[in-house]
Amino acid sequence: MIVMSTYMSASVSAPEGIEVNYHPERPMSFGDGVVPAGVDVRFTGTTAYLSLSIEDARALAEQLPQILMLHDAAERVAAEKAVA
């Protein structure tokens, strides 16, 4: 068995914003499988998108408040330094 780790990096500029959509589980358009439920994040004005499993979407939702608090704190410190 071959075991590989994967790394991917992408830089996408989406000045028009993002569009987030849920898609429920559905049958595959070919074969006998199903496409699991998930969340698609599309970068408006580009062909780029991010598809998340429900588990990954939940993990992201749990971590975003902390990330945003860190950002807000960094912005406050930068503003205070600029005034001083």
Protein backbone atom coordinates (compact mmCIF):
# COMPACT_ATOMS: atom_id res chain seq x y z
CA MET A 1 0.00 0.00 0.00
CA ILE A 2 1.23 3.50 -0.87
CA VAL A 3 0.57 6.20 1.69
CA MET A 4 0.85 9.78 0.56
CA SER A 5 0.30 13.07 2.31
CA THR A 6 -1.19 15.90 0.33
CA TYR A 7 -0.45 19.60 0.48
CA MET A 8 -2.26 22.18 -1.56
CA SER A 9 -1.88 25.93 -1.62
CA ALA A 10 -3.94 28.34 -3.68
CA SER A 11 -4.26 32.08 -3.83
CA VAL A 12 -7.60 33.37 -5.10
CA SER A 13 -8.67 36.96 -5.29
CA ALA A 14 -12.45 37.26 -5.10
CA PRO A 15 -13.21 40.97 -4.85
CA GLU A 16 -16.88 40.25 -5.50
CA GLY A 17 -17.09 38.11 -2.34
CA ILE A 18 -18.13 34.55 -1.67
CA GLU A 19 -21.30 32.51 -2.03
CA VAL A 20 -21.95 29.66 0.40
CA ASN A 21 -24.40 26.85 -0.40
CA TYR A 22 -25.48 23.65 1.32
CA HIS A 23 -26.14 20.59 -0.76
CA PRO A 24 -27.91 17.55 0.72
CA GLU A 25 -26.83 13.98 0.08
CA ARG A 26 -27.78 12.94 -3.44
CA PRO A 27 -27.29 10.00 -5.79
CA MET A 28 -24.27 10.15 -8.06
CA SER A 29 -25.06 11.05 -11.65
CA PHE A 30 -23.23 7.88 -12.68
CA GLY A 31 -22.64 4.64 -10.81
CA ASP A 32 -24.39 3.38 -7.71
CA GLY A 33 -22.93 5.70 -5.08
CA VAL A 34 -24.06 8.83 -3.32
CA VAL A 35 -22.50 12.25 -3.03
CA PRO A 36 -22.45 13.06 0.70
CA ALA A 37 -24.04 16.24 2.02
CA GLY A 38 -21.68 19.18 2.10
CA VAL A 39 -21.06 22.90 1.88
CA ASP A 40 -19.67 24.67 -1.18
CA VAL A 41 -17.90 28.02 -0.86
CA ARG A 42 -17.67 29.68 -4.28
CA PHE A 43 -15.39 32.64 -4.87
CA THR A 44 -17.60 34.98 -6.88
CA GLY A 45 -16.18 36.12 -10.19
CA THR A 46 -13.79 33.15 -10.38
CA THR A 47 -14.01 29.45 -11.18
CA ALA A 48 -12.55 28.59 -7.76
CA TYR A 49 -14.53 26.92 -5.02
CA LEU A 50 -14.01 25.00 -1.80
CA SER A 51 -16.15 21.99 -1.03
CA LEU A 52 -16.40 21.00 2.64
CA SER A 53 -17.82 17.90 4.25
CA ILE A 54 -20.41 18.60 6.93
CA GLU A 55 -17.84 17.57 9.56
CA ASP A 56 -15.26 20.02 8.18
CA ALA A 57 -17.89 22.79 7.95
CA ARG A 58 -18.77 22.20 11.62
CA ALA A 59 -15.08 22.28 12.62
CA LEU A 60 -14.60 25.54 10.70
CA ALA A 61 -17.71 27.06 12.30
CA GLU A 62 -16.37 26.16 15.76
CA GLN A 63 -12.96 27.72 15.09
CA LEU A 64 -14.02 30.92 13.31
CA PRO A 65 -15.14 32.86 16.42
CA GLN A 66 -11.69 32.43 18.01
CA ILE A 67 -9.93 33.38 14.78
CA LEU A 68 -12.08 36.51 14.44
CA MET A 69 -11.40 37.49 18.06
CA LEU A 70 -7.65 37.16 17.42
CA HIS A 71 -7.98 39.35 14.35
CA ASP A 72 -10.01 41.99 16.22
CA ALA A 73 -7.42 42.04 19.02
CA ALA A 74 -4.59 42.48 16.53
CA GLU A 75 -6.48 45.33 14.84
CA ARG A 76 -7.00 47.06 18.21
CA VAL A 77 -3.30 46.78 19.08
CA ALA A 78 -2.32 48.16 15.66
CA ALA A 79 -4.76 51.08 16.06
CA GLU A 80 -3.44 51.86 19.57
CA LYS A 81 0.17 51.81 18.30
CA ALA A 82 -0.76 54.14 15.45
CA VAL A 83 -2.26 56.66 17.92
CA ALA A 84 0.68 56.52 20.33
